PDB file of N, CA and C in Angstrom:
ATOM      1  N   MET A   1      53.461  73.393   4.270  1.00  0.00           N
ATOM      2  CA  MET A   1      54.156  74.469   3.548  1.00  0.00           C
ATOM      3  C   MET A   1      55.199  73.796   2.601  1.00  0.00           C
ATOM      4  N   PHE A   2      55.315  74.347   1.449  1.00  0.00           N
ATOM      5  CA  PHE A   2      56.324  73.808   0.401  1.00  0.00           C
ATOM      6  C   PHE A   2      57.270  74.899   0.051  1.00  0.00           C
ATOM      7  N   ASP A   3      58.387  74.495  -0.512  1.00  0.00           N
ATOM      8  CA  ASP A   3      59.363  75.428  -1.063  1.00  0.00           C
ATOM      9  C   ASP A   3      59.744  75.113  -2.476  1.00  0.00           C
ATOM     10  N   THR A   4      59.453  75.899  -3.360  1.00  0.00           N
ATOM     11  CA  THR A   4      59.798  75.816  -4.774  1.00  0.00           C
ATOM     12  C   THR A   4      59.323  74.494  -5.328  1.00  0.00           C
ATOM     13  N   ALA A   5      58.271  74.521  -6.078  1.00  0.00           N
ATOM     14  CA  ALA A   5      57.698  73.271  -6.691  1.00  0.00           C
ATOM     15  C   ALA A   5      56.818  73.635  -7.844  1.00  0.00           C
ATOM     16  N   ILE A   6      56.395  72.532  -8.523  1.00  0.00           N
ATOM     17  CA  ILE A   6      55.416  72.751  -9.558  1.00  0.00           C
ATOM     18  C   ILE A   6      54.085  72.197  -9.007  1.00  0.00           C
ATOM     19  N   THR A   7      53.017  72.974  -9.195  1.00  0.00           N
ATOM     20  CA  THR A   7      51.686  72.649  -8.763  1.00  0.00           C
ATOM     21  C   THR A   7      50.762  72.537  -9.998  1.00  0.00           C
ATOM     22  N   TRP A   8      49.652  71.800  -9.792  1.00  0.00           N
ATOM     23  CA  TRP A   8      48.602  71.723 -10.653  1.00  0.00           C
ATOM     24  C   TRP A   8      47.280  71.682 -10.054  1.00  0.00           C
ATOM     25  N   THR A   9      46.335  72.266 -10.682  1.00  0.00           N
ATOM     26  CA  THR A   9      44.907  72.255 -10.120  1.00  0.00           C
ATOM     27  C   THR A   9      44.253  70.848 -10.484  1.00  0.00           C
ATOM     28  N   THR A  10      43.813  70.199  -9.430  1.00  0.00           N
ATOM     29  CA  THR A  10      43.250  68.888  -9.560  1.00  0.00           C
ATOM     30  C   THR A  10      41.758  68.831  -9.845  1.00  0.00           C
ATOM     31  N   ASP A  11      41.068  69.931  -9.472  1.00  0.00           N
ATOM     32  CA  ASP A  11      39.628  69.861  -9.412  1.00  0.00           C
ATOM     33  C   ASP A  11      39.045  71.154  -9.917  1.00  0.00           C
ATOM     34  N   GLY A  12      37.964  71.060 -10.687  1.00  0.00           N
ATOM     35  CA  GLY A  12      37.122  72.254 -11.023  1.00  0.00           C
ATOM     36  C   GLY A  12      37.482  72.827 -12.425  1.00  0.00           C
ATOM     37  N   ALA A  13      36.985  73.984 -12.625  1.00  0.00           N
ATOM     38  CA  ALA A  13      37.149  74.584 -14.070  1.00  0.00           C
ATOM     39  C   ALA A  13      38.537  74.731 -14.514  1.00  0.00           C
ATOM     40  N   ASN A  14      39.485  74.967 -13.576  1.00  0.00           N
ATOM     41  CA  ASN A  14      40.926  75.102 -13.992  1.00  0.00           C
ATOM     42  C   ASN A  14      41.737  73.811 -13.792  1.00  0.00           C
ATOM     43  N   ALA A  15      41.001  72.649 -13.699  1.00  0.00           N
ATOM     44  CA  ALA A  15      41.764  71.405 -13.575  1.00  0.00           C
ATOM     45  C   ALA A  15      42.784  71.218 -14.691  1.00  0.00           C
ATOM     46  N   GLY A  16      43.998  70.815 -14.377  1.00  0.00           N
ATOM     47  CA  GLY A  16      45.040  70.645 -15.302  1.00  0.00           C
ATOM     48  C   GLY A  16      45.926  71.851 -15.506  1.00  0.00           C
ATOM     49  N   THR A  17      45.645  73.008 -14.872  1.00  0.00           N
ATOM     50  CA  THR A  17      46.478  74.144 -15.059  1.00  0.00           C
ATOM     51  C   THR A  17      47.790  73.900 -14.149  1.00  0.00           C
ATOM     52  N   VAL A  18      48.861  73.923 -14.788  1.00  0.00           N
ATOM     53  CA  VAL A  18      50.131  73.711 -14.085  1.00  0.00           C
ATOM     54  C   VAL A  18      50.866  75.067 -13.936  1.00  0.00           C
ATOM     55  N   SER A  19      51.518  75.220 -12.758  1.00  0.00           N
ATOM     56  CA  SER A  19      52.139  76.490 -12.478  1.00  0.00           C
ATOM     57  C   SER A  19      53.491  76.156 -11.713  1.00  0.00           C
ATOM     58  N   TYR A  20      54.476  76.985 -11.967  1.00  0.00           N
ATOM     59  CA  TYR A  20      55.781  76.959 -11.188  1.00  0.00           C
ATOM     60  C   TYR A  20      55.642  77.805 -10.037  1.00  0.00           C
ATOM     61  N   ARG A  21      55.968  77.393  -8.817  1.00  0.00           N
ATOM     62  CA  ARG A  21      55.819  78.251  -7.584  1.00  0.00           C
ATOM     63  C   ARG A  21      57.217  78.395  -6.935  1.00  0.00           C
ATOM     64  N   SER A  22      57.840  79.543  -7.083  1.00  0.00           N
ATOM     65  CA  SER A  22      59.127  79.780  -6.554  1.00  0.00           C
ATOM     66  C   SER A  22      58.975  80.376  -5.221  1.00  0.00           C
ATOM     67  N   GLY A  23      59.810  79.802  -4.275  1.00  0.00           N
ATOM     68  CA  GLY A  23      59.779  80.203  -2.872  1.00  0.00           C
ATOM     69  C   GLY A  23      58.821  79.392  -2.078  1.00  0.00           C
ATOM     70  N   ARG A  24      58.595  79.880  -0.805  1.00  0.00           N
ATOM     71  CA  ARG A  24      57.703  79.117   0.065  1.00  0.00           C
ATOM     72  C   ARG A  24      56.182  79.396  -0.281  1.00  0.00           C
ATOM     73  N   PHE A  25      55.370  78.366  -0.124  1.00  0.00           N
ATOM     74  CA  PHE A  25      53.980  78.562  -0.386  1.00  0.00           C
ATOM     75  C   PHE A  25      53.180  77.486   0.369  1.00  0.00           C
ATOM     76  N   TYR A  26      51.874  77.768   0.605  1.00  0.00           N
ATOM     77  CA  TYR A  26      50.994  76.787   1.208  1.00  0.00           C
ATOM     78  C   TYR A  26      50.207  76.040   0.077  1.00  0.00           C
ATOM     79  N   SER A  27      49.916  74.788   0.300  1.00  0.00           N
ATOM     80  CA  SER A  27      49.123  74.042  -0.742  1.00  0.00           C
ATOM     81  C   SER A  27      47.719  73.957  -0.161  1.00  0.00           C
ATOM     82  N   THR A  28      46.777  73.780  -1.197  1.00  0.00           N
ATOM     83  CA  THR A  28      45.433  73.555  -0.860  1.00  0.00           C
ATOM     84  C   THR A  28      44.961  72.125  -1.118  1.00  0.00           C
ATOM     85  N   ASN A  29      43.683  71.834  -0.877  1.00  0.00           N
ATOM     86  CA  ASN A  29      43.261  70.364  -1.199  1.00  0.00           C
ATOM     87  C   ASN A  29      42.856  70.160  -2.566  1.00  0.00           C
ATOM     88  N   VAL A  30      42.915  71.235  -3.375  1.00  0.00           N
ATOM     89  CA  VAL A  30      42.511  71.138  -4.850  1.00  0.00           C
ATOM     90  C   VAL A  30      43.777  71.291  -5.827  1.00  0.00           C
ATOM     91  N   ASN A  31      44.884  70.915  -5.265  1.00  0.00           N
ATOM     92  CA  ASN A  31      46.049  70.958  -6.150  1.00  0.00           C
ATOM     93  C   ASN A  31      47.060  69.846  -5.772  1.00  0.00           C
ATOM     94  N   GLY A  32      47.847  69.466  -6.812  1.00  0.00           N
ATOM     95  CA  GLY A  32      48.910  68.390  -6.612  1.00  0.00           C
ATOM     96  C   GLY A  32      50.184  69.228  -6.586  1.00  0.00           C
ATOM     97  N   VAL A  33      51.239  68.657  -5.983  1.00  0.00           N
ATOM     98  CA  VAL A  33      52.550  69.242  -5.876  1.00  0.00           C
ATOM     99  C   VAL A  33      53.573  68.377  -6.366  1.00  0.00           C
ATOM    100  N   LEU A  34      54.407  68.778  -7.291  1.00  0.00           N
ATOM    101  CA  LEU A  34      55.648  68.022  -7.763  1.00  0.00           C
ATOM    102  C   LEU A  34      56.839  68.704  -7.191  1.00  0.00           C
ATOM    103  N   ILE A  35      57.538  67.893  -6.342  1.00  0.00           N
ATOM    104  CA  ILE A  35      58.776  68.424  -5.702  1.00  0.00           C
ATOM    105  C   ILE A  35      59.948  67.595  -6.279  1.00  0.00           C
ATOM    106  N   SER A  36      61.046  68.255  -6.552  1.00  0.00           N
ATOM    107  CA  SER A  36      62.178  67.501  -7.092  1.00  0.00           C
ATOM    108  C   SER A  36      63.447  67.955  -6.381  1.00  0.00           C
ATOM    109  N   ASP A  37      64.143  66.905  -5.776  1.00  0.00           N
ATOM    110  CA  ASP A  37      65.407  67.224  -5.077  1.00  0.00           C
ATOM    111  C   ASP A  37      66.564  67.204  -6.157  1.00  0.00           C
ATOM    112  N   LYS A  38      66.147  66.915  -7.362  1.00  0.00           N
ATOM    113  CA  LYS A  38      67.200  66.898  -8.435  1.00  0.00           C
ATOM    114  C   LYS A  38      67.120  68.090  -9.309  1.00  0.00           C
ATOM    115  N   GLY A  39      66.212  69.043  -9.010  1.00  0.00           N
ATOM    116  CA  GLY A  39      66.236  70.343  -9.761  1.00  0.00           C
ATOM    117  C   GLY A  39      65.167  70.357 -10.857  1.00  0.00           C
ATOM    118  N   TYR A  40      64.343  69.333 -10.926  1.00  0.00           N
ATOM    119  CA  TYR A  40      63.352  69.380 -12.149  1.00  0.00           C
ATOM    120  C   TYR A  40      62.216  70.290 -11.860  1.00  0.00           C
ATOM    121  N   ALA A  41      62.065  70.826 -10.704  1.00  0.00           N
ATOM    122  CA  ALA A  41      60.946  71.803 -10.450  1.00  0.00           C
ATOM    123  C   ALA A  41      61.477  73.195 -10.869  1.00  0.00           C
ATOM    124  N   ASN A  42      61.175  73.497 -12.100  1.00  0.00           N
ATOM    125  CA  ASN A  42      61.565  74.788 -12.653  1.00  0.00           C
ATOM    126  C   ASN A  42      60.509  75.286 -13.711  1.00  0.00           C
ATOM    127  N   LYS A  43      60.588  76.476 -14.087  1.00  0.00           N
ATOM    128  CA  LYS A  43      59.624  77.124 -14.934  1.00  0.00           C
ATOM    129  C   LYS A  43      59.460  76.399 -16.280  1.00  0.00           C
ATOM    130  N   ALA A  44      60.655  75.922 -16.791  1.00  0.00           N
ATOM    131  CA  ALA A  44      60.581  75.318 -18.197  1.00  0.00           C
ATOM    132  C   ALA A  44      59.809  74.034 -18.082  1.00  0.00           C
ATOM    133  N   ILE A  45      60.022  73.121 -16.989  1.00  0.00           N
ATOM    134  CA  ILE A  45      59.203  71.897 -16.877  1.00  0.00           C
ATOM    135  C   ILE A  45      57.728  72.165 -16.627  1.00  0.00           C
ATOM    136  N   SER A  46      57.523  73.172 -15.886  1.00  0.00           N
ATOM    137  CA  SER A  46      56.060  73.500 -15.536  1.00  0.00           C
ATOM    138  C   SER A  46      55.371  73.925 -16.830  1.00  0.00           C
ATOM    139  N   GLU A  47      56.012  74.633 -17.723  1.00  0.00           N
ATOM    140  CA  GLU A  47      55.344  75.124 -18.969  1.00  0.00           C
ATOM    141  C   GLU A  47      55.159  73.878 -19.903  1.00  0.00           C
ATOM    142  N   ILE A  48      56.148  72.966 -20.047  1.00  0.00           N
ATOM    143  CA  ILE A  48      56.022  71.746 -20.771  1.00  0.00           C
ATOM    144  C   ILE A  48      54.852  70.936 -20.264  1.00  0.00           C
ATOM    145  N   LEU A  49      54.821  70.736 -18.927  1.00  0.00           N
ATOM    146  CA  LEU A  49      53.666  69.974 -18.331  1.00  0.00           C
ATOM    147  C   LEU A  49      52.390  70.666 -18.527  1.00  0.00           C
ATOM    148  N   ASN A  50      52.397  72.016 -18.578  1.00  0.00           N
ATOM    149  CA  ASN A  50      51.068  72.789 -18.762  1.00  0.00           C
ATOM    150  C   ASN A  50      50.553  72.497 -20.104  1.00  0.00           C
ATOM    151  N   LEU A  51      51.418  72.303 -21.125  1.00  0.00           N
ATOM    152  CA  LEU A  51      50.954  72.015 -22.538  1.00  0.00           C
ATOM    153  C   LEU A  51      50.341  70.590 -22.643  1.00  0.00           C
ATOM    154  N   GLU A  52      50.745  69.759 -21.764  1.00  0.00           N
ATOM    155  CA  GLU A  52      50.345  68.320 -21.856  1.00  0.00           C
ATOM    156  C   GLU A  52      49.196  67.988 -20.892  1.00  0.00           C
ATOM    157  N   ALA A  53      49.191  68.526 -19.765  1.00  0.00           N
ATOM    158  CA  ALA A  53      48.258  68.121 -18.612  1.00  0.00           C
ATOM    159  C   ALA A  53      46.787  68.245 -19.001  1.00  0.00           C
ATOM    160  N   TRP A  54      46.407  69.287 -19.665  1.00  0.00           N
ATOM    161  CA  TRP A  54      45.038  69.543 -19.959  1.00  0.00           C
ATOM    162  C   TRP A  54      44.450  68.378 -20.771  1.00  0.00           C
ATOM    163  N   LYS A  55      45.239  67.553 -21.554  1.00  0.00           N
ATOM    164  CA  LYS A  55      44.783  66.486 -22.330  1.00  0.00           C
ATOM    165  C   LYS A  55      44.281  65.285 -21.400  1.00  0.00           C
ATOM    166  N   TRP A  56      44.819  65.272 -20.171  1.00  0.00           N
ATOM    167  CA  TRP A  56      44.563  64.255 -19.261  1.00  0.00           C
ATOM    168  C   TRP A  56      43.420  64.497 -18.297  1.00  0.00           C
ATOM    169  N   VAL A  57      42.814  65.685 -18.449  1.00  0.00           N
ATOM    170  CA  VAL A  57      41.722  66.031 -17.478  1.00  0.00           C
ATOM    171  C   VAL A  57      40.526  65.229 -17.818  1.00  0.00           C
ATOM    172  N   SER A  58      39.943  64.667 -16.733  1.00  0.00           N
ATOM    173  CA  SER A  58      38.633  63.882 -16.878  1.00  0.00           C
ATOM    174  C   SER A  58      37.423  64.896 -16.896  1.00  0.00           C
ATOM    175  N   HIS A  59      36.610  64.900 -17.812  1.00  0.00           N
ATOM    176  CA  HIS A  59      35.503  65.853 -17.902  1.00  0.00           C
ATOM    177  C   HIS A  59      34.153  65.089 -17.664  1.00  0.00           C
ATOM    178  N   VAL A  60      34.162  64.036 -16.835  1.00  0.00           N
ATOM    179  CA  VAL A  60      32.932  63.432 -16.408  1.00  0.00           C
ATOM    180  C   VAL A  60      32.503  64.171 -15.157  1.00  0.00           C
ATOM    181  N   GLY A  61      31.394  64.915 -15.247  1.00  0.00           N
ATOM    182  CA  GLY A  61      30.895  65.755 -14.180  1.00  0.00           C
ATOM    183  C   GLY A  61      31.885  66.924 -13.922  1.00  0.00           C
ATOM    184  N   ASN A  62      32.369  67.037 -12.690  1.00  0.00           N
ATOM    185  CA  ASN A  62      33.395  68.126 -12.367  1.00  0.00           C
ATOM    186  C   ASN A  62      34.740  67.696 -12.963  1.00  0.00           C
ATOM    187  N   PRO A  63      35.378  68.647 -13.812  1.00  0.00           N
ATOM    188  CA  PRO A  63      36.682  68.314 -14.359  1.00  0.00           C
ATOM    189  C   PRO A  63      37.710  67.950 -13.259  1.00  0.00           C
ATOM    190  N   LYS A  64      38.533  66.884 -13.466  1.00  0.00           N
ATOM    191  CA  LYS A  64      39.503  66.462 -12.512  1.00  0.00           C
ATOM    192  C   LYS A  64      40.761  66.075 -13.200  1.00  0.00           C
ATOM    193  N   LEU A  65      41.921  66.251 -12.545  1.00  0.00           N
ATOM    194  CA  LEU A  65      43.164  65.724 -12.947  1.00  0.00           C
ATOM    195  C   LEU A  65      43.864  65.216 -11.695  1.00  0.00           C
ATOM    196  N   MET A  66      43.657  63.955 -11.363  1.00  0.00           N
ATOM    197  CA  MET A  66      44.076  63.443 -10.092  1.00  0.00           C
ATOM    198  C   MET A  66      45.565  63.182 -10.129  1.00  0.00           C
ATOM    199  N   ASN A  67      46.219  63.170  -8.944  1.00  0.00           N
ATOM    200  CA  ASN A  67      47.683  62.928  -8.835  1.00  0.00           C
ATOM    201  C   ASN A  67      48.145  61.675  -9.550  1.00  0.00           C
ATOM    202  N   ASN A  68      47.432  60.573  -9.403  1.00  0.00           N
ATOM    203  CA  ASN A  68      47.946  59.348  -9.964  1.00  0.00           C
ATOM    204  C   ASN A  68      47.896  59.431 -11.584  1.00  0.00           C
ATOM    205  N   VAL A  69      46.959  60.217 -12.079  1.00  0.00           N
ATOM    206  CA  VAL A  69      46.974  60.346 -13.517  1.00  0.00           C
ATOM    207  C   VAL A  69      48.118  61.315 -13.939  1.00  0.00           C
ATOM    208  N   MET A  70      48.311  62.311 -13.201  1.00  0.00           N
ATOM    209  CA  MET A  70      49.486  63.219 -13.488  1.00  0.00           C
ATOM    210  C   MET A  70      50.787  62.479 -13.473  1.00  0.00           C
ATOM    211  N   GLY A  71      50.923  61.388 -12.601  1.00  0.00           N
ATOM    212  CA  GLY A  71      52.089  60.589 -12.553  1.00  0.00           C
ATOM    213  C   GLY A  71      52.372  59.798 -13.706  1.00  0.00           C
ATOM    214  N   ASP A  72      51.287  59.556 -14.516  1.00  0.00           N
ATOM    215  CA  ASP A  72      51.397  58.726 -15.788  1.00  0.00           C
ATOM    216  C   ASP A  72      51.788  59.514 -16.984  1.00  0.00           C
ATOM    217  N   ILE A  73      51.812  60.892 -16.923  1.00  0.00           N
ATOM    218  CA  ILE A  73      52.133  61.714 -18.060  1.00  0.00           C
ATOM    219  C   ILE A  73      53.643  61.657 -18.348  1.00  0.00           C
ATOM    220  N   SER A  74      53.978  61.400 -19.560  1.00  0.00           N
ATOM    221  CA  SER A  74      55.317  61.430 -19.991  1.00  0.00           C
ATOM    222  C   SER A  74      55.613  62.614 -20.926  1.00  0.00           C
ATOM    223  N   ILE A  75      56.615  63.368 -20.636  1.00  0.00           N
ATOM    224  CA  ILE A  75      56.975  64.544 -21.480  1.00  0.00           C
ATOM    225  C   ILE A  75      58.500  64.511 -21.903  1.00  0.00           C
ATOM    226  N   MET A  76      58.761  65.150 -22.915  1.00  0.00           N
ATOM    227  CA  MET A  76      60.169  65.339 -23.366  1.00  0.00           C
ATOM    228  C   MET A  76      60.677  66.593 -22.783  1.00  0.00           C
ATOM    229  N   ILE A  77      61.896  66.448 -22.163  1.00  0.00           N
ATOM    230  CA  ILE A  77      62.569  67.668 -21.560  1.00  0.00           C
ATOM    231  C   ILE A  77      63.929  67.775 -21.926  1.00  0.00           C
ATOM    232  N   PRO A  78      64.499  68.944 -21.943  1.00  0.00           N
ATOM    233  CA  PRO A  78      65.997  69.061 -22.162  1.00  0.00           C
ATOM    234  C   PRO A  78      66.755  68.255 -21.212  1.00  0.00           C
ATOM    235  N   SER A  79      67.797  67.637 -21.621  1.00  0.00           N
ATOM    236  CA  SER A  79      68.499  66.691 -20.754  1.00  0.00           C
ATOM    237  C   SER A  79      69.383  67.292 -19.719  1.00  0.00           C
ATOM    238  N   SER A  80      69.826  68.559 -20.083  1.00  0.00           N
ATOM    239  CA  SER A  80      70.833  69.266 -19.145  1.00  0.00           C
ATOM    240  C   SER A  80      70.059  70.275 -18.386  1.00  0.00           C
ATOM    241  N   PHE A  81      70.479  70.420 -17.086  1.00  0.00           N
ATOM    242  CA  PHE A  81      69.842  71.369 -16.198  1.00  0.00           C
ATOM    243  C   PHE A  81      70.247  72.789 -16.682  1.00  0.00           C
ATOM    244  N   GLU A  82      71.353  72.938 -17.322  1.00  0.00           N
ATOM    245  CA  GLU A  82      71.763  74.262 -17.801  1.00  0.00           C
ATOM    246  C   GLU A  82      70.843  74.823 -18.847  1.00  0.00           C
ATOM    247  N   GLU A  83      70.367  73.900 -19.737  1.00  0.00           N
ATOM    248  CA  GLU A  83      69.417  74.218 -20.693  1.00  0.00           C
ATOM    249  C   GLU A  83      68.041  74.558 -20.165  1.00  0.00           C
ATOM    250  N   GLN A  84      67.668  73.774 -19.155  1.00  0.00           N
ATOM    251  CA  GLN A  84      66.396  73.937 -18.418  1.00  0.00           C
ATOM    252  C   GLN A  84      66.407  75.295 -17.812  1.00  0.00           C
ATOM    253  N   ASP A  85      67.570  75.616 -17.118  1.00  0.00           N
ATOM    254  CA  ASP A  85      67.651  76.867 -16.473  1.00  0.00           C
ATOM    255  C   ASP A  85      67.569  78.061 -17.433  1.00  0.00           C
ATOM    256  N   ARG A  86      68.230  77.927 -18.573  1.00  0.00           N
ATOM    257  CA  ARG A  86      68.172  78.981 -19.612  1.00  0.00           C
ATOM    258  C   ARG A  86      66.755  79.181 -20.025  1.00  0.00           C
ATOM    259  N   LEU A  87      66.067  78.108 -20.325  1.00  0.00           N
ATOM    260  CA  LEU A  87      64.691  78.184 -20.684  1.00  0.00           C
ATOM    261  C   LEU A  87      63.837  78.801 -19.629  1.00  0.00           C
ATOM    262  N   SER A  88      64.038  78.425 -18.442  1.00  0.00           N
ATOM    263  CA  SER A  88      63.289  78.993 -17.284  1.00  0.00           C
ATOM    264  C   SER A  88      63.513  80.454 -17.174  1.00  0.00           C
ATOM    265  N   ASP A  89      64.798  80.907 -17.278  1.00  0.00           N
ATOM    266  CA  ASP A  89      65.085  82.299 -17.262  1.00  0.00           C
ATOM    267  C   ASP A  89      64.407  83.119 -18.349  1.00  0.00           C
ATOM    268  N   PHE A  90      64.422  82.537 -19.553  1.00  0.00           N
ATOM    269  CA  PHE A  90      63.806  83.192 -20.706  1.00  0.00           C
ATOM    270  C   PHE A  90      62.275  83.279 -20.422  1.00  0.00           C
ATOM    271  N   LEU A  91      61.655  82.211 -19.928  1.00  0.00           N
ATOM    272  CA  LEU A  91      60.157  82.313 -19.676  1.00  0.00           C
ATOM    273  C   LEU A  91      59.825  83.245 -18.563  1.00  0.00           C
ATOM    274  N   ASN A  92      60.727  83.277 -17.556  1.00  0.00           N
ATOM    275  CA  ASN A  92      60.444  84.315 -16.459  1.00  0.00           C
ATOM    276  C   ASN A  92      60.618  85.687 -16.979  1.00  0.00           C
ATOM    277  N   GLN A  93      61.619  85.946 -17.822  1.00  0.00           N
ATOM    278  CA  GLN A  93      61.707  87.297 -18.456  1.00  0.00           C
ATOM    279  C   GLN A  93      60.558  87.669 -19.333  1.00  0.00           C
ATOM    280  N   LEU A  94      60.056  86.652 -20.050  1.00  0.00           N
ATOM    281  CA  LEU A  94      58.936  86.849 -20.863  1.00  0.00           C
ATOM    282  C   LEU A  94      57.685  87.200 -20.018  1.00  0.00           C
ATOM    283  N   ASP A  95      57.459  86.519 -18.954  1.00  0.00           N
ATOM    284  CA  ASP A  95      56.360  86.807 -17.975  1.00  0.00           C
ATOM    285  C   ASP A  95      56.498  88.184 -17.417  1.00  0.00           C
ATOM    286  N   ASP A  96      57.717  88.567 -17.102  1.00  0.00           N
ATOM    287  CA  ASP A  96      57.883  89.900 -16.495  1.00  0.00           C
ATOM    288  C   ASP A  96      57.607  90.972 -17.540  1.00  0.00           C
ATOM    289  N   THR A  97      58.056  90.769 -18.783  1.00  0.00           N
ATOM    290  CA  THR A  97      57.837  91.669 -19.834  1.00  0.00           C
ATOM    291  C   THR A  97      56.253  91.859 -20.118  1.00  0.00           C
ATOM    292  N   ILE A  98      55.609  90.733 -20.097  1.00  0.00           N
ATOM    293  CA  ILE A  98      54.144  90.782 -20.338  1.00  0.00           C
ATOM    294  C   ILE A  98      53.486  91.529 -19.142  1.00  0.00           C
ATOM    295  N   THR A  99      53.885  91.331 -17.963  1.00  0.00           N
ATOM    296  CA  THR A  99      53.346  92.037 -16.800  1.00  0.00           C
ATOM    297  C   THR A  99      53.562  93.545 -16.923  1.00  0.00           C
ATOM    298  N   LEU A 100      54.770  93.939 -17.281  1.00  0.00           N
ATOM    299  CA  LEU A 100      55.048  95.353 -17.461  1.00  0.00           C
ATOM    300  C   LEU A 100      54.221  95.966 -18.517  1.00  0.00           C
ATOM    301  N   HIS A 101      54.065  95.243 -19.651  1.00  0.00           N
ATOM    302  CA  HIS A 101      53.201  95.817 -20.819  1.00  0.00           C
ATOM    303  C   HIS A 101      51.789  95.892 -20.338  1.00  0.00           C
ATOM    304  N   ASP A 102      51.260  94.907 -19.534  1.00  0.00           N
ATOM    305  CA  ASP A 102      49.880  95.006 -19.027  1.00  0.00           C
ATOM    306  C   ASP A 102      49.813  96.220 -18.144  1.00  0.00           C
ATOM    307  N   GLN A 103      50.751  96.446 -17.298  1.00  0.00           N
ATOM    308  CA  GLN A 103      50.680  97.588 -16.393  1.00  0.00           C
ATOM    309  C   GLN A 103      50.646  98.958 -17.242  1.00  0.00           C
ATOM    310  N   LYS A 104      51.492  98.952 -18.271  1.00  0.00           N
ATOM    311  CA  LYS A 104      51.609 100.145 -19.176  1.00  0.00           C
ATOM    312  C   LYS A 104      50.257 100.389 -19.786  1.00  0.00           C
ATOM    313  N   LEU A 105      49.630  99.333 -20.327  1.00  0.00           N
ATOM    314  CA  LEU A 105      48.388  99.359 -20.991  1.00  0.00           C
ATOM    315  C   LEU A 105      47.257  99.929 -20.053  1.00  0.00           C
ATOM    316  N   ASN A 106      47.266  99.418 -18.881  1.00  0.00           N
ATOM    317  CA  ASN A 106      46.309  99.883 -17.884  1.00  0.00           C
ATOM    318  C   ASN A 106      46.454 101.364 -17.542  1.00  0.00           C
ATOM    319  N   LEU A 107      47.695 101.804 -17.445  1.00  0.00           N
ATOM    320  CA  LEU A 107      48.033 103.208 -17.228  1.00  0.00           C
ATOM    321  C   LEU A 107      47.523 104.124 -18.391  1.00  0.00           C
ATOM    322  N   LEU A 108      47.838 103.621 -19.570  1.00  0.00           N
ATOM    323  CA  LEU A 108      47.421 104.436 -20.812  1.00  0.00           C
ATOM    324  C   LEU A 108      45.857 104.453 -20.931  1.00  0.00           C
ATOM    325  N   LYS A 109      45.180 103.405 -20.459  1.00  0.00           N
ATOM    326  CA  LYS A 109      43.758 103.430 -20.498  1.00  0.00           C
ATOM    327  C   LYS A 109      43.219 104.465 -19.542  1.00  0.00           C
ATOM    328  N   LEU A 110      43.927 104.554 -18.344  1.00  0.00           N
ATOM    329  CA  LEU A 110      43.550 105.573 -17.397  1.00  0.00           C
ATOM    330  C   LEU A 110      43.685 106.986 -17.987  1.00  0.00           C
ATOM    331  N   VAL A 111      44.846 107.222 -18.607  1.00  0.00           N
ATOM    332  CA  VAL A 111      45.163 108.454 -19.159  1.00  0.00           C
ATOM    333  C   VAL A 111      44.167 108.771 -20.282  1.00  0.00           C
ATOM    334  N   LYS A 112      43.822 107.780 -21.093  1.00  0.00           N
ATOM    335  CA  LYS A 112      42.768 108.026 -22.180  1.00  0.00           C
ATOM    336  C   LYS A 112      41.493 108.446 -21.560  1.00  0.00           C
ATOM    337  N   GLN A 113      41.024 107.716 -20.487  1.00  0.00           N
ATOM    338  CA  GLN A 113      39.713 107.967 -19.815  1.00  0.00           C
ATOM    339  C   GLN A 113      39.816 109.490 -19.244  1.00  0.00           C
ATOM    340  N   SER A 114      40.914 109.814 -18.652  1.00  0.00           N
ATOM    341  CA  SER A 114      41.091 111.218 -18.101  1.00  0.00           C
ATOM    342  C   SER A 114      41.009 112.184 -19.180  1.00  0.00           C
ATOM    343  N   LEU A 115      41.675 112.013 -20.295  1.00  0.00           N
ATOM    344  CA  LEU A 115      41.641 112.995 -21.383  1.00  0.00           C
ATOM    345  C   LEU A 115      40.278 113.074 -22.038  1.00  0.00           C
ATOM    346  N   LEU A 116      39.542 111.986 -22.153  1.00  0.00           N
ATOM    347  CA  LEU A 116      38.213 112.073 -22.708  1.00  0.00           C
ATOM    348  C   LEU A 116      37.271 112.798 -21.830  1.00  0.00           C
ATOM    349  N   GLN A 117      37.433 112.546 -20.456  1.00  0.00           N
ATOM    350  CA  GLN A 117      36.606 113.320 -19.521  1.00  0.00           C
ATOM    351  C   GLN A 117      36.893 114.834 -19.631  1.00  0.00           C
ATOM    352  N   ASN A 118      38.143 115.149 -19.696  1.00  0.00           N
ATOM    353  CA  ASN A 118      38.415 116.667 -19.869  1.00  0.00           C
ATOM    354  C   ASN A 118      38.051 117.238 -21.110  1.00  0.00           C
ATOM    355  N   MET A 119      37.934 116.396 -22.181  1.00  0.00           N
ATOM    356  CA  MET A 119      37.420 116.923 -23.513  1.00  0.00           C
ATOM    357  C   MET A 119      36.012 117.380 -23.432  1.00  0.00           C
ATOM    358  N   PHE A 120      35.276 116.711 -22.650  1.00  0.00           N
ATOM    359  CA  PHE A 120      33.826 117.041 -22.658  1.00  0.00           C
ATOM    360  C   PHE A 120      33.302 117.793 -21.411  1.00  0.00           C
ATOM    361  N   ILE A 121      34.309 118.484 -20.766  1.00  0.00           N
ATOM    362  CA  ILE A 121      33.977 119.320 -19.662  1.00  0.00           C
ATOM    363  C   ILE A 121      33.653 120.715 -20.110  1.00  0.00           C
TER     364      ILE A 121
END
């Protein structure tokens, strides 16, 4: 069991997909986990890694991004934790906004379907 970290898929079609995991979670055998006691495990760093990690995926047979390869990736990050936190907050708000709009779209599709059914009764 882990608590707040960055994970990436090491194997399969989604190899190289990086995600920020807030709170406690269980890890599987097809992901790597980056834990930072200095605060680098945040949404901003995970998004920066997500942009870079896919370039390092091996596509010989089953796609893979092994932990030792992930350890060789260098990225540019904001130097202050305050700026990283602001970026993380912004990205989390953006994710929440997208989720709300998706829910609204799904509701409107149901309303449309209902109205079309009523039109032809």
